[in-house]
N, C-alpha and C. Protein backbone atom coordinates (compact mmCIF):
# COMPACT_ATOMS: atom_id res chain seq x y z
N MET A 1 9.00 37.13 -10.34
CA MET A 1 8.33 35.55 -10.85
C MET A 1 8.30 34.27 -10.21
N SER A 2 7.24 34.04 -10.05
CA SER A 2 6.69 33.35 -9.27
C SER A 2 6.68 30.79 -9.71
N ASP A 3 6.65 30.62 -8.99
CA ASP A 3 6.93 29.53 -9.09
C ASP A 3 5.51 28.62 -8.70
N ASN A 4 4.74 28.25 -9.86
CA ASN A 4 3.37 27.83 -9.73
C ASN A 4 3.72 26.30 -9.91
N ARG A 5 4.68 25.62 -9.70
CA ARG A 5 4.45 24.09 -9.42
C ARG A 5 3.54 23.73 -8.29
N GLN A 6 2.62 22.42 -8.39
CA GLN A 6 2.01 22.22 -7.44
C GLN A 6 2.62 21.32 -6.29
N LEU A 7 2.67 21.33 -5.49
CA LEU A 7 3.16 19.95 -5.09
C LEU A 7 2.72 19.14 -4.18
N LEU A 8 2.14 17.84 -4.34
CA LEU A 8 1.77 16.30 -3.95
C LEU A 8 1.84 15.80 -2.54
N SER A 9 1.39 16.21 -1.92
CA SER A 9 1.86 15.17 -0.67
C SER A 9 1.68 14.00 -0.69
N CYS A 10 2.76 13.04 -0.94
CA CYS A 10 3.05 11.51 -0.62
C CYS A 10 3.50 11.02 0.55
N VAL A 11 3.44 9.63 0.27
CA VAL A 11 3.65 8.68 1.51
C VAL A 11 4.77 7.66 0.73
N MET A 12 6.08 7.77 0.90
CA MET A 12 6.88 6.48 1.20
C MET A 12 6.63 5.18 1.96
N ILE A 13 6.18 4.12 0.86
CA ILE A 13 5.45 2.88 2.19
C ILE A 13 6.93 2.20 2.24
N PRO A 14 7.13 1.36 2.84
CA PRO A 14 8.71 0.32 2.61
C PRO A 14 8.01 -1.11 2.48
N VAL A 15 8.01 -1.65 1.42
CA VAL A 15 7.47 -3.00 1.60
C VAL A 15 8.79 -3.92 1.86
N ASN A 16 8.36 -5.40 1.30
CA ASN A 16 10.23 -5.92 1.73
C ASN A 16 10.73 -6.00 0.04
N ASP A 17 10.58 -5.62 -0.73
CA ASP A 17 11.97 -5.44 -1.96
C ASP A 17 11.90 -4.25 -2.52
N ARG A 18 10.75 -3.11 -2.00
CA ARG A 18 10.23 -1.68 -3.17
C ARG A 18 10.17 -0.64 -1.77
N GLN A 19 10.10 0.47 -2.37
CA GLN A 19 9.18 1.25 -1.53
C GLN A 19 7.80 1.84 -2.52
N LEU A 20 6.89 1.97 -1.93
CA LEU A 20 5.68 2.15 -2.58
C LEU A 20 5.40 3.80 -2.46
N LEU A 21 4.74 4.54 -3.38
CA LEU A 21 4.05 5.88 -3.59
C LEU A 21 3.04 5.91 -3.75
N LEU A 22 2.44 6.50 -2.76
CA LEU A 22 1.10 7.05 -2.51
C LEU A 22 1.15 8.57 -2.44
N PRO A 23 -0.52 8.78 -2.89
CA PRO A 23 -0.45 10.33 -2.08
C PRO A 23 -0.95 10.31 -1.10
N ASN A 24 -0.96 11.34 -0.11
CA ASN A 24 -1.46 11.19 1.14
C ASN A 24 -2.93 11.27 1.10
N VAL A 25 -3.93 11.32 0.47
CA VAL A 25 -5.01 11.43 0.23
C VAL A 25 -5.91 10.13 0.38
N SER A 26 -4.85 9.37 -0.47
CA SER A 26 -5.44 7.82 -0.20
C SER A 26 -5.04 6.89 1.87
N ILE A 27 -4.50 7.66 2.08
CA ILE A 27 -4.25 7.03 3.41
C ILE A 27 -5.05 7.17 4.35
N ALA A 28 -6.16 6.59 4.97
CA ALA A 28 -6.71 7.03 5.96
C ALA A 28 -6.04 7.07 7.64
N GLU A 29 -5.19 6.20 7.62
CA GLU A 29 -4.44 5.88 9.13
C GLU A 29 -3.36 5.18 9.17
N VAL A 30 -2.52 5.17 9.64
CA VAL A 30 -1.28 4.45 10.09
C VAL A 30 -1.31 3.96 10.98
N VAL A 31 -1.32 2.38 11.82
CA VAL A 31 -1.44 1.87 12.78
C VAL A 31 -0.56 1.11 12.95
N ASP A 32 0.21 0.67 14.04
CA ASP A 32 1.17 -0.49 14.50
C ASP A 32 0.79 -1.68 13.56
N TYR A 33 1.56 -2.77 13.89
CA TYR A 33 1.04 -4.07 13.41
C TYR A 33 0.59 -4.69 14.47
N GLN A 34 -0.68 -5.27 13.89
CA GLN A 34 -1.67 -5.83 14.86
C GLN A 34 -2.80 -6.59 13.96
N GLY A 35 -3.56 -7.03 14.41
CA GLY A 35 -4.37 -7.99 13.59
C GLY A 35 -4.73 -9.58 13.91
N GLU A 36 -5.42 -9.74 13.56
CA GLU A 36 -6.41 -11.27 13.69
C GLU A 36 -5.30 -12.37 12.46
N ASP A 37 -5.43 -13.44 13.00
CA ASP A 37 -4.39 -14.58 12.04
C ASP A 37 -5.28 -14.68 10.75
N ALA A 38 -4.86 -14.54 9.48
CA ALA A 38 -5.80 -15.14 8.42
C ALA A 38 -6.38 -16.83 8.18
N GLY A 39 -5.99 -17.20 8.90
CA GLY A 39 -5.98 -18.50 9.30
C GLY A 39 -6.19 -19.46 8.12
N PRO A 40 -6.40 -20.94 8.32
CA PRO A 40 -6.27 -21.66 7.46
C PRO A 40 -6.98 -21.32 5.70
N ARG A 41 -6.19 -22.31 4.75
CA ARG A 41 -6.95 -21.79 3.52
C ARG A 41 -7.51 -20.85 3.13
N SER A 42 -6.47 -19.39 3.61
CA SER A 42 -7.10 -18.44 2.91
C SER A 42 -5.39 -17.99 2.23
N PRO A 43 -5.67 -16.76 1.18
CA PRO A 43 -5.02 -16.55 0.32
C PRO A 43 -3.89 -16.57 0.12
N ASP A 44 -2.37 -16.75 -0.73
CA ASP A 44 -1.24 -16.81 0.06
C ASP A 44 -0.75 -14.99 0.75
N TRP A 45 -1.79 -14.28 -0.29
CA TRP A 45 -1.42 -13.04 0.18
C TRP A 45 -2.12 -12.10 1.25
N LEU A 46 -3.07 -12.96 2.03
CA LEU A 46 -3.96 -12.28 2.71
C LEU A 46 -2.84 -12.78 4.23
N VAL A 47 -2.40 -11.32 5.07
CA VAL A 47 -1.44 -11.95 6.01
C VAL A 47 -2.73 -11.88 7.46
N GLY A 48 -4.15 -11.47 7.24
CA GLY A 48 -5.10 -11.51 8.32
C GLY A 48 -6.17 -10.19 8.02
N TYR A 49 -6.72 -10.06 9.45
CA TYR A 49 -7.86 -8.90 9.69
C TYR A 49 -7.98 -7.87 10.43
N LEU A 50 -7.41 -6.89 10.21
CA LEU A 50 -7.60 -5.54 11.21
C LEU A 50 -8.63 -5.16 11.85
N PRO A 51 -9.66 -5.24 13.47
CA PRO A 51 -10.59 -4.65 13.56
C PRO A 51 -9.74 -3.18 14.04
N TRP A 52 -10.97 -2.15 12.94
CA TRP A 52 -10.41 -0.50 12.87
C TRP A 52 -11.81 0.21 12.62
N ARG A 53 -11.85 0.64 14.14
CA ARG A 53 -13.41 1.61 13.52
C ARG A 53 -14.39 0.54 13.61
N GLY A 54 -14.66 -0.03 14.47
CA GLY A 54 -16.07 -0.74 14.11
C GLY A 54 -16.03 -1.71 12.62
N LEU A 55 -15.13 -1.84 11.62
CA LEU A 55 -14.81 -2.89 10.61
C LEU A 55 -14.07 -3.90 10.96
N THR A 56 -14.02 -4.45 10.03
CA THR A 56 -12.76 -5.84 10.34
C THR A 56 -12.37 -5.86 8.60
N LEU A 57 -10.96 -4.97 8.31
CA LEU A 57 -10.36 -4.62 7.47
C LEU A 57 -10.12 -5.86 6.21
N PRO A 58 -9.43 -6.82 5.94
CA PRO A 58 -8.32 -7.59 4.86
C PRO A 58 -6.74 -7.04 4.93
N VAL A 59 -6.02 -7.35 5.68
CA VAL A 59 -4.80 -6.96 5.36
C VAL A 59 -3.84 -7.74 4.74
N VAL A 60 -3.59 -6.93 3.62
CA VAL A 60 -2.83 -7.35 2.20
C VAL A 60 -1.42 -7.65 2.71
N SER A 61 -0.67 -8.68 1.98
CA SER A 61 0.30 -8.48 1.97
C SER A 61 1.07 -7.22 0.02
N TYR A 62 1.47 -6.73 0.35
CA TYR A 62 1.99 -6.26 -1.22
C TYR A 62 2.74 -6.83 -2.02
N ASP A 63 3.86 -7.72 -1.40
CA ASP A 63 4.28 -8.67 -1.67
C ASP A 63 4.15 -9.89 -2.11
N ALA A 64 3.72 -10.44 -1.47
CA ALA A 64 3.01 -12.12 -1.98
C ALA A 64 1.63 -11.77 -3.28
N ALA A 65 1.01 -10.21 -2.95
CA ALA A 65 0.08 -10.21 -3.88
C ALA A 65 0.75 -9.91 -5.26
N ASN A 66 1.81 -9.43 -5.02
CA ASN A 66 2.56 -8.72 -6.61
C ASN A 66 3.05 -10.38 -7.23
N GLY A 67 3.54 -11.52 -5.98
CA GLY A 67 3.92 -12.73 -7.04
C GLY A 67 5.26 -13.15 -5.93
N GLY A 68 5.49 -12.05 -4.58
CA GLY A 68 6.59 -12.69 -3.73
C GLY A 68 6.41 -13.66 -2.96
N THR A 69 6.75 -13.48 -2.04
CA THR A 69 6.73 -14.26 -0.65
C THR A 69 6.05 -13.46 0.38
N LEU A 70 5.18 -13.87 1.43
CA LEU A 70 4.68 -13.16 2.30
C LEU A 70 5.63 -12.50 3.30
N ALA A 71 5.67 -11.53 3.75
CA ALA A 71 6.47 -11.39 4.83
C ALA A 71 6.16 -10.12 5.90
N VAL A 72 6.30 -11.30 7.42
CA VAL A 72 5.20 -10.43 8.43
C VAL A 72 6.63 -9.99 8.96
N PRO A 73 6.24 -8.42 9.21
CA PRO A 73 7.20 -7.55 9.81
C PRO A 73 7.60 -8.26 11.03
N GLY A 74 9.04 -7.51 11.77
CA GLY A 74 9.68 -8.34 12.92
C GLY A 74 10.18 -6.97 13.51
N ASP A 75 10.72 -7.29 15.11
CA ASP A 75 11.15 -6.34 15.34
C ASP A 75 10.10 -4.68 16.21
N ASN A 76 9.17 -4.90 16.24
CA ASN A 76 8.48 -3.70 16.21
C ASN A 76 8.38 -2.76 14.90
N ARG A 77 8.90 -3.21 13.28
CA ARG A 77 9.26 -2.00 12.63
C ARG A 77 8.17 -2.08 11.59
N GLY A 78 6.85 -3.02 12.12
CA GLY A 78 5.90 -3.41 10.79
C GLY A 78 4.38 -2.09 10.90
N ARG A 79 4.09 -1.98 10.11
CA ARG A 79 2.65 -0.91 10.27
C ARG A 79 1.71 -1.56 9.50
N ILE A 80 0.55 -1.01 9.70
CA ILE A 80 0.11 -0.90 8.86
C ILE A 80 -0.82 -0.09 8.36
N VAL A 81 -1.01 0.13 6.97
CA VAL A 81 -1.61 1.55 6.35
C VAL A 81 -2.81 1.17 5.54
N VAL A 82 -4.01 1.60 6.52
CA VAL A 82 -5.37 1.71 5.55
C VAL A 82 -5.43 2.63 5.05
N LEU A 83 -6.18 2.03 3.82
CA LEU A 83 -6.09 2.99 2.42
C LEU A 83 -7.82 3.11 2.16
N ASN A 84 -8.14 4.03 1.84
CA ASN A 84 -8.83 4.61 1.19
C ASN A 84 -9.56 3.78 -0.10
N THR A 85 -10.52 3.61 -0.35
CA THR A 85 -10.46 2.52 -1.60
C THR A 85 -11.16 3.58 -2.20
N ILE A 86 -10.93 2.81 -4.00
CA ILE A 86 -11.35 4.21 -5.26
C ILE A 86 -12.04 3.45 -6.31
N GLY A 87 -12.27 1.61 -6.00
CA GLY A 87 -12.64 1.78 -7.13
C GLY A 87 -14.06 0.84 -7.11
N GLU A 88 -14.18 -0.22 -8.02
CA GLU A 88 -15.96 -0.59 -8.10
C GLU A 88 -16.53 -1.25 -7.27
N HIS A 89 -15.40 -1.71 -6.05
CA HIS A 89 -15.40 -2.11 -4.42
C HIS A 89 -15.97 -1.13 -3.47
N HIS A 90 -15.61 -0.18 -4.01
CA HIS A 90 -15.92 0.88 -2.54
C HIS A 90 -16.93 0.97 -2.20
N GLN A 91 -18.00 0.28 -2.35
CA GLN A 91 -19.31 0.39 -1.71
C GLN A 91 -19.38 -0.87 -0.74
N SER A 92 -18.87 -1.73 -1.13
CA SER A 92 -18.35 -3.12 -0.12
C SER A 92 -17.17 -3.48 0.50
N VAL A 93 -15.94 -2.45 -0.20
CA VAL A 93 -14.76 -2.42 0.72
C VAL A 93 -14.48 -1.35 0.79
N PRO A 94 -14.74 -0.15 1.78
CA PRO A 94 -14.53 1.25 1.79
C PRO A 94 -13.20 1.27 2.23
N PHE A 95 -12.61 0.76 2.90
CA PHE A 95 -10.99 0.45 3.26
C PHE A 95 -10.60 -0.56 3.07
N MET A 96 -9.28 -0.63 2.87
CA MET A 96 -8.31 -2.11 2.85
C MET A 96 -7.42 -1.37 3.85
N ALA A 97 -6.44 -2.25 3.97
CA ALA A 97 -5.09 -2.63 4.49
C ALA A 97 -4.11 -3.12 4.06
N LEU A 98 -2.87 -2.40 4.16
CA LEU A 98 -1.60 -3.34 3.36
C LEU A 98 -0.43 -3.81 4.69
N VAL A 99 0.25 -4.43 4.86
CA VAL A 99 1.32 -4.17 5.66
C VAL A 99 2.88 -4.28 5.18
N THR A 100 2.88 -3.03 6.22
CA THR A 100 4.66 -2.52 5.82
C THR A 100 5.39 -3.04 6.66
N GLN A 101 7.11 -2.88 6.07
CA GLN A 101 8.50 -3.47 6.58
C GLN A 101 9.27 -2.11 7.37
N GLY A 102 8.12 -1.24 7.66
CA GLY A 102 8.93 0.30 8.47
C GLY A 102 7.83 0.64 8.43
N ILE A 103 8.47 2.08 8.78
CA ILE A 103 7.91 3.26 9.16
C ILE A 103 7.32 4.12 7.67
N PRO A 104 6.83 4.10 7.18
CA PRO A 104 6.13 4.81 6.16
C PRO A 104 5.98 6.72 6.79
N SER A 105 7.44 7.10 5.44
CA SER A 105 7.84 8.61 5.12
C SER A 105 7.45 9.45 4.40
N GLN A 106 6.50 11.13 5.21
CA GLN A 106 6.11 11.87 3.85
C GLN A 106 6.95 12.27 2.90
N ALA A 107 6.68 12.85 1.74
CA ALA A 107 7.66 13.47 1.11
C ALA A 107 6.71 14.25 0.14
N ARG A 108 7.00 14.96 -0.06
CA ARG A 108 6.23 16.81 -0.95
C ARG A 108 7.45 16.57 -2.45
N LEU A 109 6.18 15.95 -3.33
CA LEU A 109 6.88 16.17 -5.00
C LEU A 109 5.95 16.99 -6.00
N THR A 110 7.13 17.50 -6.64
CA THR A 110 6.46 18.11 -7.90
C THR A 110 6.17 17.29 -9.06
N GLU A 111 5.47 17.53 -10.27
CA GLU A 111 5.35 16.26 -11.41
C GLU A 111 6.58 16.56 -11.92
N GLU A 112 7.86 17.63 -11.97
CA GLU A 112 9.07 17.21 -11.94
C GLU A 112 10.21 16.66 -11.24
N ASP A 113 9.73 16.39 -10.04
CA ASP A 113 10.39 15.21 -9.32
C ASP A 113 10.32 14.14 -9.68
N LEU A 114 9.10 13.58 -10.52
CA LEU A 114 8.89 12.03 -10.71
C LEU A 114 9.74 11.76 -11.70
N HIS A 115 10.31 10.83 -12.27
CA HIS A 115 10.43 10.43 -13.09
C HIS A 115 10.16 9.02 -13.79
N PRO A 116 9.93 8.53 -14.98
CA PRO A 116 10.04 6.81 -15.17
C PRO A 116 11.04 6.28 -14.34
N ALA A 117 10.99 5.10 -14.33
CA ALA A 117 12.09 3.90 -14.15
C ALA A 117 11.88 2.84 -14.92
N ASP A 118 12.82 1.74 -14.78
CA ASP A 118 12.98 0.83 -14.98
C ASP A 118 12.14 0.06 -14.08
N GLY A 119 11.60 -1.40 -14.62
CA GLY A 119 11.42 -2.05 -13.60
C GLY A 119 9.99 -3.04 -14.19
N GLU A 120 10.06 -4.20 -14.10
CA GLU A 120 9.33 -5.07 -14.35
C GLU A 120 7.81 -5.31 -13.67
N PRO A 121 6.90 -4.68 -13.72
CA PRO A 121 5.97 -4.81 -13.19
C PRO A 121 5.07 -6.18 -12.72
N GLY A 122 5.05 -6.17 -11.67
CA GLY A 122 4.02 -7.62 -11.15
C GLY A 122 2.52 -6.53 -11.18
N PRO A 123 1.77 -8.05 -10.87
CA PRO A 123 0.27 -7.46 -11.11
C PRO A 123 -0.45 -6.22 -9.99
N ALA A 124 0.58 -6.14 -9.05
CA ALA A 124 0.10 -4.93 -7.66
C ALA A 124 0.50 -4.16 -8.19
N ASP A 125 1.45 -4.16 -9.15
CA ASP A 125 2.11 -2.28 -9.96
C ASP A 125 1.46 -1.66 -10.70
N LEU A 126 1.46 -0.71 -10.54
CA LEU A 126 0.94 0.48 -11.72
C LEU A 126 1.80 0.88 -12.68
N MET A 127 2.74 0.75 -12.12
CA MET A 127 4.16 1.63 -12.60
C MET A 127 5.46 2.13 -11.75
N SER A 128 6.66 2.39 -12.11
CA SER A 128 8.18 2.57 -11.67
C SER A 128 8.08 3.73 -11.81
N VAL A 129 8.82 4.40 -11.14
CA VAL A 129 9.20 5.74 -11.14
C VAL A 129 10.52 6.32 -10.27
N SER A 130 11.60 7.22 -10.76
CA SER A 130 12.11 7.69 -10.12
C SER A 130 12.20 8.66 -9.01
N VAL A 131 12.41 8.81 -7.89
CA VAL A 131 11.83 10.14 -7.04
C VAL A 131 13.51 10.59 -6.67
N ASP A 132 13.98 11.33 -6.51
CA ASP A 132 15.10 11.77 -6.44
C ASP A 132 16.68 10.84 -6.06
N GLY A 133 16.13 9.97 -7.67
CA GLY A 133 17.22 8.78 -7.96
C GLY A 133 16.80 7.77 -7.20
N GLU A 134 16.08 7.18 -6.63
CA GLU A 134 15.55 5.82 -5.84
C GLU A 134 14.13 6.19 -6.57
N ASN A 135 14.07 4.51 -7.04
CA ASN A 135 12.91 3.76 -7.52
C ASN A 135 11.77 3.66 -6.76
N ALA A 136 11.00 3.83 -6.86
CA ALA A 136 9.49 3.24 -5.91
C ALA A 136 8.47 3.16 -6.82
N TRP A 137 7.53 2.35 -6.56
CA TRP A 137 6.77 1.89 -7.23
C TRP A 137 5.16 2.56 -6.82
N ILE A 138 4.28 3.06 -7.94
CA ILE A 138 2.84 3.32 -7.95
C ILE A 138 2.00 1.80 -8.15
N PRO A 139 1.36 1.85 -6.66
CA PRO A 139 0.68 0.17 -6.37
C PRO A 139 -1.09 0.78 -7.40
N ASN A 140 -0.85 -0.47 -8.04
CA ASN A 140 -2.37 -0.52 -8.68
C ASN A 140 -3.52 -0.41 -7.39
N LEU A 141 -3.96 -0.03 -7.54
CA LEU A 141 -4.68 0.21 -5.70
C LEU A 141 -6.32 -0.91 -6.58
N GLU A 142 -6.39 -0.67 -7.45
CA GLU A 142 -7.60 -1.12 -7.76
C GLU A 142 -7.86 -2.59 -8.06
N TYR A 143 -6.62 -3.59 -8.32
CA TYR A 143 -6.49 -4.69 -8.29
C TYR A 143 -6.31 -4.58 -6.74
N LEU A 144 -5.50 -4.45 -5.72
CA LEU A 144 -5.57 -5.05 -4.55
C LEU A 144 -7.02 -4.44 -3.95
N GLU A 145 -7.42 -3.78 -4.61
CA GLU A 145 -9.27 -3.49 -4.29
C GLU A 145 -10.02 -5.24 -4.10
N SER A 146 -9.34 -5.64 -5.31
CA SER A 146 -10.30 -6.56 -5.78
C SER A 146 -10.14 -7.59 -4.75
N LEU A 147 -8.50 -7.53 -4.83
CA LEU A 147 -8.29 -8.29 -3.15
C LEU A 147 -9.05 -8.44 -2.33
N ALA A 148 -8.73 -7.49 -1.58
CA ALA A 148 -9.61 -7.47 -0.70
C ALA A 148 -10.95 -7.53 -0.35
N ALA A 149 -11.95 -7.53 -1.75
CA ALA A 149 -13.40 -8.03 -1.61
C ALA A 149 -13.43 -8.94 -1.83
N GLU A 150 -12.27 -10.05 -2.25
CA GLU A 150 -12.72 -11.41 -2.67
C GLU A 150 -12.94 -11.99 -0.76
N VAL A 151 -11.99 -11.12 0.30
CA VAL A 151 -12.39 -12.12 1.62
C VAL A 151 -12.91 -11.09 2.32
N ARG A 152 -13.33 -10.26 2.14
CA ARG A 152 -13.91 -9.24 2.83
C ARG A 152 -15.11 -9.89 3.72
N ARG A 153 -15.08 -9.88 5.08
CA ARG A 153 -16.08 -9.95 6.27
C ARG A 153 -17.02 -8.94 6.59
């Protein structure tokens, strides 16, 4: 008997108060935390800018974009995840970046591995799921992309 379940390669991304779950194909690269300061009069969710492959990417704090507080990683724990954009702003903002609170980890999941979970979503959340008993949030990438489009350079 063959097992024809399809595995989806995903990444669990630690942010301040939750784990994000994204498919591998949405991630262009993971780099060490770095970048330029956002400067005064910038939105609360903008950590700064990342010079990356000849582009200047806005670095979004998922936590702050979701109604929480801006948390900048310390102790060399943080990374920046460069994401491929997919929405209506893709032409002007082909990539954006999210700051993490740790090192993202790989996960290989089937549809059966994901279960709806409880949790009050914020504006940056699409839905909450349970993965092996642990809650994770699937981010609303179109919302995050619209924020990045507001501050693109």
